[in-house]
């Protein structure tokens, strides 16, 4: 399964998938903190203008929000800021989608290749066995390959791909909150209005999909 995956995907994408899985298990819910940061930036912008906003932006961690604030400080147009945020979100989510496909394909490959291992073993058994009565014992050994393939798929690859999909849904909602917040910030919206809007958006994003 690992060899077949390496044929289909380069090594760097596999290492990216592993690091992304670590993030999926270690990342904590940060939506409320992000909304709070956007509201604080909106207050700073209304009170001190673009220079005060730029100063606060320097203290932000590297990421899409910091990039957006820097674009505003450079007096980029609203359309330019929006396009940049959308492109950044699209590229980020595209990387996540590739990692999900890798795990999904491994979940499909494992049972099929396990069955292939069973068939190969059976061919060797029937070509060399001298005692037909011992065939049952050899069959049990041959079926182990299929067993391992099914176990790997259902207890490893499928749960990991589901965990990654859950993380992708959260990241999609987080990026959407940042994008909406930055555009409202650019428009000079009231900080309280921004807070209510983003809280409502995050609540809708956290609802389970049908």
N, C-alpha and C. Protein backbone atom coordinates (compact mmCIF):
# COMPACT_ATOMS: atom_id res chain seq x y z
N UNK A 1 0.82 -1.20 0.00
CA UNK A 1 0.00 0.00 0.00
C UNK A 1 0.86 1.25 0.00
N UNK A 2 1.90 1.22 0.81
CA UNK A 2 2.80 2.36 0.88
C UNK A 2 3.52 2.56 -0.45
N UNK A 3 3.97 1.48 -1.07
CA UNK A 3 4.67 1.57 -2.35
C UNK A 3 3.76 2.11 -3.44
N UNK A 4 2.52 1.62 -3.48
CA UNK A 4 1.58 2.10 -4.48
C UNK A 4 1.27 3.59 -4.29
N UNK A 5 1.21 4.04 -3.03
CA UNK A 5 0.97 5.45 -2.74
C UNK A 5 2.14 6.30 -3.19
N UNK A 6 3.37 5.79 -3.01
CA UNK A 6 4.55 6.52 -3.45
C UNK A 6 4.61 6.67 -4.97
N UNK A 7 4.07 5.69 -5.66
CA UNK A 7 4.02 5.77 -7.13
C UNK A 7 3.07 6.89 -7.56
N UNK A 8 1.96 7.03 -6.84
CA UNK A 8 0.94 8.00 -7.22
C UNK A 8 1.25 9.41 -6.75
N UNK A 9 1.93 9.54 -5.59
CA UNK A 9 2.17 10.86 -5.00
C UNK A 9 3.65 11.02 -4.64
N UNK A 10 4.20 12.22 -4.78
CA UNK A 10 5.60 12.45 -4.40
C UNK A 10 5.77 12.38 -2.89
N UNK A 11 7.00 12.17 -2.47
CA UNK A 11 7.31 11.99 -1.05
C UNK A 11 6.93 13.22 -0.23
N UNK A 12 7.14 14.41 -0.77
CA UNK A 12 6.85 15.63 -0.01
C UNK A 12 5.37 15.76 0.33
N UNK A 13 4.50 15.22 -0.53
CA UNK A 13 3.07 15.27 -0.22
C UNK A 13 2.71 14.29 0.89
N UNK A 14 3.44 13.18 0.96
CA UNK A 14 3.19 12.23 2.06
C UNK A 14 3.64 12.82 3.38
N UNK A 15 4.80 13.48 3.38
CA UNK A 15 5.26 14.12 4.62
C UNK A 15 4.33 15.26 5.01
N UNK A 16 3.79 15.97 4.04
CA UNK A 16 2.83 17.04 4.32
C UNK A 16 1.56 16.45 4.93
N UNK A 17 1.14 15.29 4.45
CA UNK A 17 -0.05 14.64 5.01
C UNK A 17 0.16 14.27 6.46
N UNK A 18 1.36 13.75 6.78
CA UNK A 18 1.66 13.38 8.17
C UNK A 18 1.63 14.62 9.07
N UNK A 19 2.25 15.71 8.62
CA UNK A 19 2.27 16.93 9.43
C UNK A 19 0.87 17.51 9.57
N UNK A 20 0.06 17.36 8.54
CA UNK A 20 -1.32 17.87 8.61
C UNK A 20 -2.15 17.06 9.59
N UNK A 21 -1.91 15.75 9.64
CA UNK A 21 -2.61 14.92 10.61
C UNK A 21 -2.23 15.31 12.04
N UNK A 22 -0.97 15.65 12.25
CA UNK A 22 -0.55 16.12 13.57
C UNK A 22 -1.31 17.38 13.95
N UNK A 23 -1.44 18.29 12.99
CA UNK A 23 -2.20 19.51 13.25
C UNK A 23 -3.66 19.21 13.55
N UNK A 24 -4.23 18.23 12.83
CA UNK A 24 -5.63 17.89 13.04
C UNK A 24 -5.88 17.38 14.45
N UNK A 25 -4.91 16.65 15.02
CA UNK A 25 -5.08 16.11 16.36
C UNK A 25 -4.70 17.12 17.45
N UNK A 26 -3.81 18.06 17.13
CA UNK A 26 -3.30 18.97 18.15
C UNK A 26 -3.97 20.34 18.14
N UNK A 27 -4.58 20.72 17.00
CA UNK A 27 -5.18 22.05 16.90
C UNK A 27 -6.39 22.18 17.82
N UNK A 28 -6.44 23.29 18.54
CA UNK A 28 -7.57 23.58 19.41
C UNK A 28 -8.50 24.56 18.73
N UNK A 29 -9.73 24.63 19.23
CA UNK A 29 -10.71 25.56 18.69
C UNK A 29 -10.24 27.00 18.92
N UNK A 30 -10.06 27.75 17.83
CA UNK A 30 -9.53 29.10 17.92
C UNK A 30 -10.48 30.14 17.35
N UNK A 31 -11.70 29.75 16.99
CA UNK A 31 -12.60 30.68 16.33
C UNK A 31 -12.91 31.89 17.19
N UNK A 32 -13.20 31.66 18.48
CA UNK A 32 -13.53 32.78 19.37
C UNK A 32 -12.34 33.73 19.50
N UNK A 33 -11.14 33.18 19.55
CA UNK A 33 -9.94 34.02 19.66
C UNK A 33 -9.74 34.84 18.39
N UNK A 34 -10.00 34.23 17.23
CA UNK A 34 -9.86 34.95 15.96
C UNK A 34 -10.87 36.09 15.87
N UNK A 35 -12.10 35.81 16.26
CA UNK A 35 -13.14 36.85 16.24
C UNK A 35 -12.76 37.99 17.17
N UNK A 36 -12.25 37.66 18.35
CA UNK A 36 -11.81 38.69 19.28
C UNK A 36 -10.70 39.55 18.70
N UNK A 37 -9.76 38.92 18.00
CA UNK A 37 -8.67 39.66 17.38
C UNK A 37 -9.19 40.60 16.30
N UNK A 38 -10.12 40.11 15.49
CA UNK A 38 -10.69 40.95 14.43
C UNK A 38 -11.46 42.14 15.01
N UNK A 39 -12.19 41.91 16.09
CA UNK A 39 -12.93 42.99 16.74
C UNK A 39 -11.97 44.03 17.31
N UNK A 40 -10.89 43.57 17.92
CA UNK A 40 -9.88 44.49 18.46
C UNK A 40 -9.24 45.31 17.34
N UNK A 41 -8.97 44.67 16.21
CA UNK A 41 -8.41 45.39 15.08
C UNK A 41 -9.38 46.42 14.54
N UNK A 42 -10.67 46.07 14.53
CA UNK A 42 -11.68 47.02 14.06
C UNK A 42 -11.74 48.25 14.97
N UNK A 43 -11.64 48.04 16.27
CA UNK A 43 -11.64 49.18 17.21
C UNK A 43 -10.41 50.05 16.99
N UNK A 44 -9.27 49.39 16.81
CA UNK A 44 -8.04 50.14 16.58
C UNK A 44 -8.13 50.97 15.30
N UNK A 45 -8.70 50.38 14.27
CA UNK A 45 -8.81 51.06 12.98
C UNK A 45 -9.73 52.27 13.06
N UNK A 46 -10.84 52.14 13.79
CA UNK A 46 -11.79 53.24 13.91
C UNK A 46 -11.22 54.38 14.77
N UNK A 47 -10.42 54.02 15.74
CA UNK A 47 -9.92 55.04 16.67
C UNK A 47 -8.61 55.67 16.21
N UNK A 48 -7.71 54.87 15.65
CA UNK A 48 -6.38 55.37 15.32
C UNK A 48 -6.03 55.40 13.84
N UNK A 49 -6.91 54.85 13.00
CA UNK A 49 -6.64 54.88 11.57
C UNK A 49 -5.70 53.77 11.12
N UNK A 50 -5.24 53.89 9.88
CA UNK A 50 -4.47 52.83 9.24
C UNK A 50 -3.10 52.64 9.88
N UNK A 51 -2.50 53.72 10.41
CA UNK A 51 -1.17 53.59 11.03
C UNK A 51 -1.24 52.76 12.31
N UNK A 52 -2.28 53.00 13.11
CA UNK A 52 -2.46 52.22 14.34
C UNK A 52 -2.75 50.76 14.00
N UNK A 53 -3.54 50.55 12.94
CA UNK A 53 -3.84 49.18 12.51
C UNK A 53 -2.58 48.46 12.05
N UNK A 54 -1.73 49.17 11.32
CA UNK A 54 -0.48 48.57 10.85
C UNK A 54 0.41 48.19 12.03
N UNK A 55 0.43 49.01 13.06
CA UNK A 55 1.24 48.72 14.24
C UNK A 55 0.74 47.46 14.94
N UNK A 56 -0.59 47.34 15.10
CA UNK A 56 -1.15 46.13 15.71
C UNK A 56 -0.92 44.91 14.83
N UNK A 57 -0.93 45.11 13.51
CA UNK A 57 -0.71 44.00 12.60
C UNK A 57 0.67 43.40 12.69
N UNK A 58 1.65 44.22 13.10
CA UNK A 58 3.01 43.71 13.25
C UNK A 58 3.11 42.67 14.36
N UNK A 59 2.20 42.72 15.31
CA UNK A 59 2.23 41.78 16.44
C UNK A 59 1.46 40.49 16.15
N UNK A 60 0.79 40.42 14.99
CA UNK A 60 0.03 39.22 14.65
C UNK A 60 0.97 38.10 14.23
N UNK A 61 0.59 36.84 14.49
CA UNK A 61 1.41 35.71 14.02
C UNK A 61 1.32 35.59 12.50
N UNK A 62 2.33 35.02 11.85
CA UNK A 62 2.29 34.86 10.40
C UNK A 62 1.06 34.06 9.96
N UNK A 63 0.44 34.51 8.90
CA UNK A 63 -0.75 33.82 8.42
C UNK A 63 -1.59 34.74 7.56
N UNK A 64 -2.76 34.27 7.21
CA UNK A 64 -3.62 34.98 6.28
C UNK A 64 -4.13 36.30 6.86
N UNK A 65 -4.37 36.35 8.16
CA UNK A 65 -4.85 37.59 8.79
C UNK A 65 -3.77 38.67 8.77
N UNK A 66 -2.56 38.30 9.08
CA UNK A 66 -1.45 39.26 9.04
C UNK A 66 -1.24 39.77 7.62
N UNK A 67 -1.34 38.88 6.65
CA UNK A 67 -1.19 39.29 5.25
C UNK A 67 -2.25 40.30 4.86
N UNK A 68 -3.49 40.07 5.30
CA UNK A 68 -4.59 40.97 4.97
C UNK A 68 -4.37 42.36 5.57
N UNK A 69 -3.94 42.41 6.81
CA UNK A 69 -3.68 43.70 7.47
C UNK A 69 -2.54 44.44 6.77
N UNK A 70 -1.53 43.71 6.34
CA UNK A 70 -0.42 44.34 5.63
C UNK A 70 -0.90 44.91 4.29
N UNK A 71 -1.78 44.22 3.61
CA UNK A 71 -2.32 44.73 2.34
C UNK A 71 -3.11 46.02 2.57
N UNK A 72 -3.88 46.05 3.66
CA UNK A 72 -4.60 47.28 3.99
C UNK A 72 -3.63 48.42 4.29
N UNK A 73 -2.55 48.10 4.98
CA UNK A 73 -1.55 49.13 5.30
C UNK A 73 -0.86 49.66 4.05
N UNK A 74 -0.78 48.80 3.01
CA UNK A 74 -0.18 49.23 1.75
C UNK A 74 -1.18 49.94 0.85
N UNK A 75 -2.39 50.19 1.37
CA UNK A 75 -3.46 50.90 0.65
C UNK A 75 -3.90 50.16 -0.61
N UNK A 76 -3.92 48.83 -0.52
CA UNK A 76 -4.46 48.05 -1.63
C UNK A 76 -5.98 48.22 -1.68
N UNK A 77 -6.56 48.04 -2.85
CA UNK A 77 -8.00 48.18 -3.00
C UNK A 77 -8.73 47.03 -2.31
N UNK A 78 -10.01 47.24 -2.06
CA UNK A 78 -10.82 46.20 -1.42
C UNK A 78 -10.86 44.94 -2.28
N UNK A 79 -11.00 45.12 -3.60
CA UNK A 79 -11.04 43.97 -4.49
C UNK A 79 -9.73 43.20 -4.46
N UNK A 80 -8.61 43.92 -4.37
CA UNK A 80 -7.30 43.26 -4.31
C UNK A 80 -7.16 42.46 -3.03
N UNK A 81 -7.61 43.03 -1.91
CA UNK A 81 -7.55 42.31 -0.64
C UNK A 81 -8.43 41.06 -0.70
N UNK A 82 -9.63 41.21 -1.23
CA UNK A 82 -10.56 40.08 -1.31
C UNK A 82 -10.01 38.98 -2.20
N UNK A 83 -9.45 39.34 -3.35
CA UNK A 83 -8.89 38.35 -4.26
C UNK A 83 -7.71 37.61 -3.63
N UNK A 84 -6.89 38.34 -2.90
CA UNK A 84 -5.73 37.72 -2.25
C UNK A 84 -6.19 36.72 -1.19
N UNK A 85 -7.19 37.10 -0.39
CA UNK A 85 -7.70 36.21 0.64
C UNK A 85 -8.32 34.95 0.03
N UNK A 86 -9.07 35.13 -1.03
CA UNK A 86 -9.70 33.99 -1.69
C UNK A 86 -8.66 33.05 -2.29
N UNK A 87 -7.63 33.62 -2.90
CA UNK A 87 -6.57 32.79 -3.49
C UNK A 87 -5.81 32.03 -2.41
N UNK A 88 -5.52 32.73 -1.30
CA UNK A 88 -4.81 32.09 -0.19
C UNK A 88 -5.63 30.94 0.38
N UNK A 89 -6.92 31.17 0.56
CA UNK A 89 -7.80 30.13 1.09
C UNK A 89 -7.91 28.96 0.11
N UNK A 90 -7.98 29.26 -1.19
CA UNK A 90 -8.10 28.22 -2.20
C UNK A 90 -6.86 27.34 -2.23
N UNK A 91 -5.68 27.95 -2.17
CA UNK A 91 -4.44 27.18 -2.19
C UNK A 91 -4.30 26.32 -0.93
N UNK A 92 -4.65 26.91 0.21
CA UNK A 92 -4.55 26.16 1.47
C UNK A 92 -5.49 24.97 1.46
N UNK A 93 -6.73 25.19 1.06
CA UNK A 93 -7.70 24.09 1.06
C UNK A 93 -7.35 23.04 0.01
N UNK A 94 -6.71 23.47 -1.08
CA UNK A 94 -6.28 22.50 -2.09
C UNK A 94 -5.24 21.54 -1.55
N UNK A 95 -4.33 22.05 -0.70
CA UNK A 95 -3.34 21.17 -0.07
C UNK A 95 -4.03 20.19 0.88
N UNK A 96 -5.01 20.66 1.61
CA UNK A 96 -5.75 19.78 2.51
C UNK A 96 -6.47 18.69 1.72
N UNK A 97 -7.04 19.07 0.60
CA UNK A 97 -7.79 18.10 -0.22
C UNK A 97 -6.87 17.01 -0.75
N UNK A 98 -5.64 17.37 -1.12
CA UNK A 98 -4.68 16.37 -1.59
C UNK A 98 -4.35 15.37 -0.49
N UNK A 99 -4.14 15.86 0.72
CA UNK A 99 -3.83 14.98 1.84
C UNK A 99 -5.00 14.03 2.12
N UNK A 100 -6.21 14.55 2.02
CA UNK A 100 -7.39 13.70 2.24
C UNK A 100 -7.47 12.60 1.17
N UNK A 101 -7.19 12.95 -0.07
CA UNK A 101 -7.25 11.96 -1.15
C UNK A 101 -6.20 10.87 -0.96
N UNK A 102 -5.03 11.24 -0.44
CA UNK A 102 -3.99 10.24 -0.19
C UNK A 102 -4.49 9.20 0.80
N UNK A 103 -5.05 9.64 1.92
CA UNK A 103 -5.56 8.71 2.93
C UNK A 103 -6.74 7.90 2.40
N UNK A 104 -7.60 8.55 1.64
CA UNK A 104 -8.75 7.84 1.08
C UNK A 104 -8.31 6.75 0.12
N UNK A 105 -7.33 7.05 -0.72
CA UNK A 105 -6.83 6.04 -1.67
C UNK A 105 -6.11 4.91 -0.94
N UNK A 106 -5.40 5.21 0.15
CA UNK A 106 -4.76 4.16 0.92
C UNK A 106 -5.80 3.25 1.56
N UNK A 107 -6.91 3.81 1.98
CA UNK A 107 -8.00 3.00 2.54
C UNK A 107 -8.59 2.07 1.49
N UNK A 108 -8.62 2.50 0.25
CA UNK A 108 -9.11 1.64 -0.84
C UNK A 108 -8.09 0.59 -1.24
N UNK A 109 -6.81 0.97 -1.21
CA UNK A 109 -5.77 0.06 -1.67
C UNK A 109 -5.52 -1.09 -0.71
N UNK A 110 -5.56 -0.81 0.60
CA UNK A 110 -5.15 -1.81 1.59
C UNK A 110 -5.93 -3.13 1.48
N UNK A 111 -7.28 -3.12 1.45
CA UNK A 111 -8.00 -4.40 1.32
C UNK A 111 -7.72 -5.11 -0.01
N UNK A 112 -7.63 -4.32 -1.09
CA UNK A 112 -7.39 -4.93 -2.41
C UNK A 112 -6.02 -5.60 -2.47
N UNK A 113 -5.01 -4.93 -1.94
CA UNK A 113 -3.67 -5.52 -1.95
C UNK A 113 -3.54 -6.65 -0.94
N UNK A 114 -4.32 -6.57 0.14
CA UNK A 114 -4.37 -7.69 1.08
C UNK A 114 -4.93 -8.94 0.42
N UNK A 115 -5.98 -8.76 -0.39
CA UNK A 115 -6.55 -9.88 -1.13
C UNK A 115 -5.56 -10.41 -2.16
N UNK A 116 -4.80 -9.51 -2.76
CA UNK A 116 -3.77 -9.94 -3.71
C UNK A 116 -2.72 -10.81 -3.02
N UNK A 117 -2.33 -10.41 -1.80
CA UNK A 117 -1.37 -11.22 -1.04
C UNK A 117 -1.93 -12.60 -0.73
N UNK A 118 -3.22 -12.67 -0.42
CA UNK A 118 -3.85 -13.97 -0.15
C UNK A 118 -3.83 -14.85 -1.39
N UNK A 119 -4.16 -14.28 -2.54
CA UNK A 119 -4.20 -15.05 -3.79
C UNK A 119 -2.81 -15.58 -4.14
N UNK A 120 -1.81 -14.72 -4.00
CA UNK A 120 -0.43 -15.15 -4.31
C UNK A 120 -0.02 -16.30 -3.40
N UNK A 121 -0.35 -16.20 -2.11
CA UNK A 121 0.00 -17.26 -1.16
C UNK A 121 -0.71 -18.55 -1.51
N UNK A 122 -1.99 -18.46 -1.89
CA UNK A 122 -2.75 -19.66 -2.27
C UNK A 122 -2.15 -20.33 -3.50
N UNK A 123 -1.70 -19.54 -4.45
CA UNK A 123 -1.09 -20.12 -5.64
C UNK A 123 0.17 -20.91 -5.27
N UNK A 124 0.96 -20.36 -4.37
CA UNK A 124 2.17 -21.06 -3.92
C UNK A 124 1.81 -22.33 -3.15
N UNK A 125 0.75 -22.25 -2.33
CA UNK A 125 0.34 -23.42 -1.53
C UNK A 125 -0.09 -24.57 -2.44
N UNK A 126 -0.96 -24.26 -3.40
CA UNK A 126 -1.46 -25.32 -4.27
C UNK A 126 -0.37 -25.89 -5.16
N UNK A 127 0.69 -25.11 -5.39
CA UNK A 127 1.77 -25.61 -6.23
C UNK A 127 2.76 -26.47 -5.47
N UNK A 128 2.77 -26.39 -4.12
CA UNK A 128 3.80 -27.08 -3.36
C UNK A 128 3.26 -28.05 -2.30
N UNK A 129 2.01 -27.92 -1.95
CA UNK A 129 1.49 -28.75 -0.86
C UNK A 129 1.48 -30.23 -1.23
N UNK A 130 1.89 -31.05 -0.28
CA UNK A 130 1.92 -32.49 -0.48
C UNK A 130 0.80 -33.19 0.28
N UNK A 131 0.38 -32.58 1.35
CA UNK A 131 -0.65 -33.18 2.20
C UNK A 131 -1.93 -32.36 2.10
N UNK A 132 -2.96 -32.86 1.40
CA UNK A 132 -4.22 -32.11 1.27
C UNK A 132 -4.89 -31.82 2.62
N UNK A 133 -4.65 -32.69 3.61
CA UNK A 133 -5.28 -32.48 4.91
C UNK A 133 -4.74 -31.23 5.62
N UNK A 134 -3.53 -30.84 5.27
CA UNK A 134 -2.96 -29.64 5.90
C UNK A 134 -3.34 -28.36 5.18
N UNK A 135 -4.25 -28.47 4.20
CA UNK A 135 -4.61 -27.30 3.41
C UNK A 135 -5.29 -26.23 4.26
N UNK A 136 -6.09 -26.66 5.26
CA UNK A 136 -6.83 -25.70 6.08
C UNK A 136 -5.86 -24.79 6.84
N UNK A 137 -4.81 -25.36 7.39
CA UNK A 137 -3.84 -24.56 8.11
C UNK A 137 -3.14 -23.55 7.22
N UNK A 138 -2.80 -23.97 6.01
CA UNK A 138 -2.18 -23.05 5.08
C UNK A 138 -3.15 -21.96 4.63
N UNK A 139 -4.43 -22.32 4.51
CA UNK A 139 -5.45 -21.33 4.14
C UNK A 139 -5.54 -20.23 5.19
N UNK A 140 -5.46 -20.63 6.45
CA UNK A 140 -5.53 -19.63 7.53
C UNK A 140 -4.37 -18.64 7.41
N UNK A 141 -3.19 -19.16 7.10
CA UNK A 141 -2.03 -18.26 6.93
C UNK A 141 -2.23 -17.34 5.74
N UNK A 142 -2.77 -17.89 4.65
CA UNK A 142 -2.98 -17.09 3.44
C UNK A 142 -3.97 -15.96 3.67
N UNK A 143 -5.01 -16.21 4.48
CA UNK A 143 -6.04 -15.20 4.72
C UNK A 143 -5.57 -14.06 5.63
N UNK A 144 -4.43 -14.25 6.29
CA UNK A 144 -3.91 -13.19 7.15
C UNK A 144 -3.66 -11.90 6.36
N UNK A 145 -3.23 -12.04 5.13
CA UNK A 145 -2.94 -10.86 4.31
C UNK A 145 -4.20 -10.02 4.11
N UNK A 146 -5.31 -10.69 3.78
CA UNK A 146 -6.58 -9.97 3.64
C UNK A 146 -7.02 -9.36 4.96
N UNK A 147 -6.82 -10.09 6.04
CA UNK A 147 -7.19 -9.59 7.37
C UNK A 147 -6.44 -8.30 7.70
N UNK A 148 -5.14 -8.29 7.46
CA UNK A 148 -4.35 -7.11 7.75
C UNK A 148 -4.79 -5.93 6.88
N UNK A 149 -5.10 -6.20 5.62
CA UNK A 149 -5.55 -5.13 4.73
C UNK A 149 -6.85 -4.50 5.20
N UNK A 150 -7.81 -5.35 5.61
CA UNK A 150 -9.09 -4.84 6.10
C UNK A 150 -8.92 -4.07 7.40
N UNK A 151 -8.10 -4.59 8.30
CA UNK A 151 -7.87 -3.91 9.58
C UNK A 151 -7.21 -2.55 9.37
N UNK A 152 -6.19 -2.50 8.51
CA UNK A 152 -5.52 -1.22 8.25
C UNK A 152 -6.49 -0.20 7.66
N UNK A 153 -7.34 -0.65 6.74
CA UNK A 153 -8.27 0.27 6.10
C UNK A 153 -9.30 0.81 7.09
N UNK A 154 -9.89 -0.07 7.90
CA UNK A 154 -11.03 0.32 8.74
C UNK A 154 -10.65 0.84 10.11
N UNK A 155 -9.46 0.50 10.60
CA UNK A 155 -9.04 0.99 11.91
C UNK A 155 -7.94 2.04 11.83
N UNK A 156 -7.45 2.31 10.63
CA UNK A 156 -6.37 3.29 10.50
C UNK A 156 -6.69 4.34 9.45
N UNK A 157 -6.71 3.96 8.17
CA UNK A 157 -6.81 4.93 7.10
C UNK A 157 -8.16 5.64 7.04
N UNK A 158 -9.26 4.91 7.18
CA UNK A 158 -10.58 5.54 7.13
C UNK A 158 -10.80 6.48 8.31
N UNK A 159 -10.52 6.06 9.57
CA UNK A 159 -10.66 7.01 10.68
C UNK A 159 -9.77 8.25 10.54
N UNK A 160 -8.54 8.06 10.03
CA UNK A 160 -7.66 9.20 9.85
C UNK A 160 -8.18 10.15 8.78
N UNK A 161 -8.72 9.60 7.70
CA UNK A 161 -9.28 10.46 6.65
C UNK A 161 -10.51 11.20 7.15
N UNK A 162 -11.32 10.56 8.00
CA UNK A 162 -12.47 11.25 8.58
C UNK A 162 -12.03 12.37 9.53
N UNK A 163 -10.98 12.11 10.30
CA UNK A 163 -10.45 13.14 11.19
C UNK A 163 -9.92 14.32 10.38
N UNK A 164 -9.26 14.02 9.29
CA UNK A 164 -8.73 15.08 8.43
C UNK A 164 -9.85 15.88 7.79
N UNK A 165 -10.93 15.21 7.38
CA UNK A 165 -12.08 15.90 6.79
C UNK A 165 -12.72 16.84 7.81
N UNK A 166 -12.82 16.39 9.05
CA UNK A 166 -13.36 17.25 10.11
C UNK A 166 -12.49 18.49 10.29
N UNK A 167 -11.17 18.29 10.28
CA UNK A 167 -10.25 19.42 10.40
C UNK A 167 -10.37 20.36 9.19
N UNK A 168 -10.56 19.81 8.00
CA UNK A 168 -10.73 20.63 6.80
C UNK A 168 -11.98 21.48 6.89
N UNK A 169 -13.07 20.92 7.40
CA UNK A 169 -14.30 21.70 7.57
C UNK A 169 -14.09 22.86 8.54
N UNK A 170 -13.35 22.58 9.62
CA UNK A 170 -13.05 23.65 10.58
C UNK A 170 -12.19 24.73 9.94
N UNK A 171 -11.17 24.33 9.18
CA UNK A 171 -10.29 25.30 8.54
C UNK A 171 -11.05 26.12 7.50
N UNK A 172 -11.98 25.50 6.79
CA UNK A 172 -12.78 26.23 5.81
C UNK A 172 -13.60 27.31 6.51
N UNK A 173 -14.22 26.96 7.64
CA UNK A 173 -14.99 27.93 8.40
C UNK A 173 -14.09 29.03 8.95
N UNK A 174 -12.91 28.67 9.46
CA UNK A 174 -11.98 29.65 10.02
C UNK A 174 -11.53 30.66 8.97
N UNK A 175 -11.18 30.17 7.78
CA UNK A 175 -10.75 31.06 6.71
C UNK A 175 -11.89 31.97 6.25
N UNK A 176 -13.10 31.44 6.25
CA UNK A 176 -14.26 32.26 5.86
C UNK A 176 -14.52 33.36 6.88
N UNK A 177 -14.36 33.03 8.18
CA UNK A 177 -14.53 34.03 9.22
C UNK A 177 -13.49 35.14 9.07
N UNK A 178 -12.24 34.77 8.81
CA UNK A 178 -11.18 35.76 8.63
C UNK A 178 -11.46 36.64 7.42
N UNK A 179 -11.90 36.03 6.33
CA UNK A 179 -12.17 36.80 5.12
C UNK A 179 -13.30 37.79 5.34
N UNK A 180 -14.39 37.34 5.93
CA UNK A 180 -15.52 38.24 6.19
C UNK A 180 -15.13 39.34 7.16
N UNK A 181 -14.38 38.98 8.20
CA UNK A 181 -13.96 39.96 9.19
C UNK A 181 -13.05 41.03 8.59
N UNK A 182 -12.10 40.61 7.74
CA UNK A 182 -11.17 41.56 7.14
C UNK A 182 -11.91 42.52 6.21
N UNK A 183 -12.85 42.01 5.42
CA UNK A 183 -13.60 42.88 4.51
C UNK A 183 -14.47 43.87 5.28
N UNK A 184 -15.08 43.41 6.37
CA UNK A 184 -15.84 44.34 7.21
C UNK A 184 -14.92 45.37 7.86
N UNK A 185 -13.73 44.92 8.24
CA UNK A 185 -12.75 45.83 8.80
C UNK A 185 -12.35 46.89 7.78
N UNK A 186 -12.16 46.47 6.54
CA UNK A 186 -11.80 47.39 5.47
C UNK A 186 -12.91 48.43 5.25
N UNK A 187 -14.16 47.97 5.37
CA UNK A 187 -15.30 48.87 5.16
C UNK A 187 -15.57 49.79 6.35
N UNK A 188 -14.84 49.59 7.44
CA UNK A 188 -15.03 50.42 8.61
C UNK A 188 -16.29 50.13 9.38
N UNK A 189 -16.73 48.86 9.38
CA UNK A 189 -17.94 48.48 10.09
C UNK A 189 -17.75 48.64 11.60
N UNK A 190 -18.87 48.78 12.28
CA UNK A 190 -18.85 48.89 13.74
C UNK A 190 -18.32 47.59 14.35
N UNK A 191 -17.39 47.66 15.31
CA UNK A 191 -16.82 46.44 15.90
C UNK A 191 -17.87 45.51 16.49
N UNK A 192 -18.90 46.07 17.11
CA UNK A 192 -19.95 45.21 17.68
C UNK A 192 -20.72 44.48 16.58
N UNK A 193 -20.96 45.17 15.48
CA UNK A 193 -21.66 44.54 14.35
C UNK A 193 -20.81 43.43 13.75
N UNK A 194 -19.50 43.69 13.67
CA UNK A 194 -18.59 42.65 13.16
C UNK A 194 -18.61 41.43 14.06
N UNK A 195 -18.59 41.65 15.36
CA UNK A 195 -18.58 40.54 16.31
C UNK A 195 -19.84 39.69 16.17
N UNK A 196 -21.01 40.33 16.11
CA UNK A 196 -22.26 39.57 15.99
C UNK A 196 -22.31 38.79 14.67
N UNK A 197 -21.85 39.42 13.60
CA UNK A 197 -21.88 38.77 12.30
C UNK A 197 -20.97 37.56 12.27
N UNK A 198 -19.75 37.71 12.79
CA UNK A 198 -18.79 36.60 12.75
C UNK A 198 -19.20 35.48 13.70
N UNK A 199 -19.76 35.81 14.83
CA UNK A 199 -20.24 34.76 15.76
C UNK A 199 -21.37 33.96 15.12
N UNK A 200 -22.27 34.65 14.42
CA UNK A 200 -23.34 33.94 13.72
C UNK A 200 -22.79 33.06 12.61
N UNK A 201 -21.78 33.57 11.89
CA UNK A 201 -21.17 32.80 10.80
C UNK A 201 -20.47 31.56 11.33
N UNK A 202 -19.75 31.71 12.45
CA UNK A 202 -19.04 30.55 13.02
C UNK A 202 -20.01 29.52 13.57
N UNK A 203 -21.15 29.96 14.10
CA UNK A 203 -22.16 29.03 14.60
C UNK A 203 -22.75 28.20 13.48
N UNK A 204 -23.01 28.86 12.34
CA UNK A 204 -23.53 28.13 11.18
C UNK A 204 -22.49 27.15 10.65
N UNK A 205 -21.22 27.57 10.65
CA UNK A 205 -20.15 26.71 10.14
C UNK A 205 -19.90 25.49 10.98
N UNK A 206 -20.21 25.57 12.29
CA UNK A 206 -19.95 24.44 13.18
C UNK A 206 -21.09 23.42 13.20
N UNK A 207 -22.22 23.74 12.54
CA UNK A 207 -23.31 22.77 12.49
C UNK A 207 -22.92 21.58 11.62
N UNK A 208 -23.31 20.37 12.02
CA UNK A 208 -22.95 19.19 11.22
C UNK A 208 -23.61 19.23 9.87
N UNK A 209 -22.87 18.82 8.85
CA UNK A 209 -23.41 18.80 7.49
C UNK A 209 -24.30 17.60 7.28
N UNK A 210 -25.33 17.81 6.46
CA UNK A 210 -26.27 16.72 6.18
C UNK A 210 -25.69 15.80 5.11
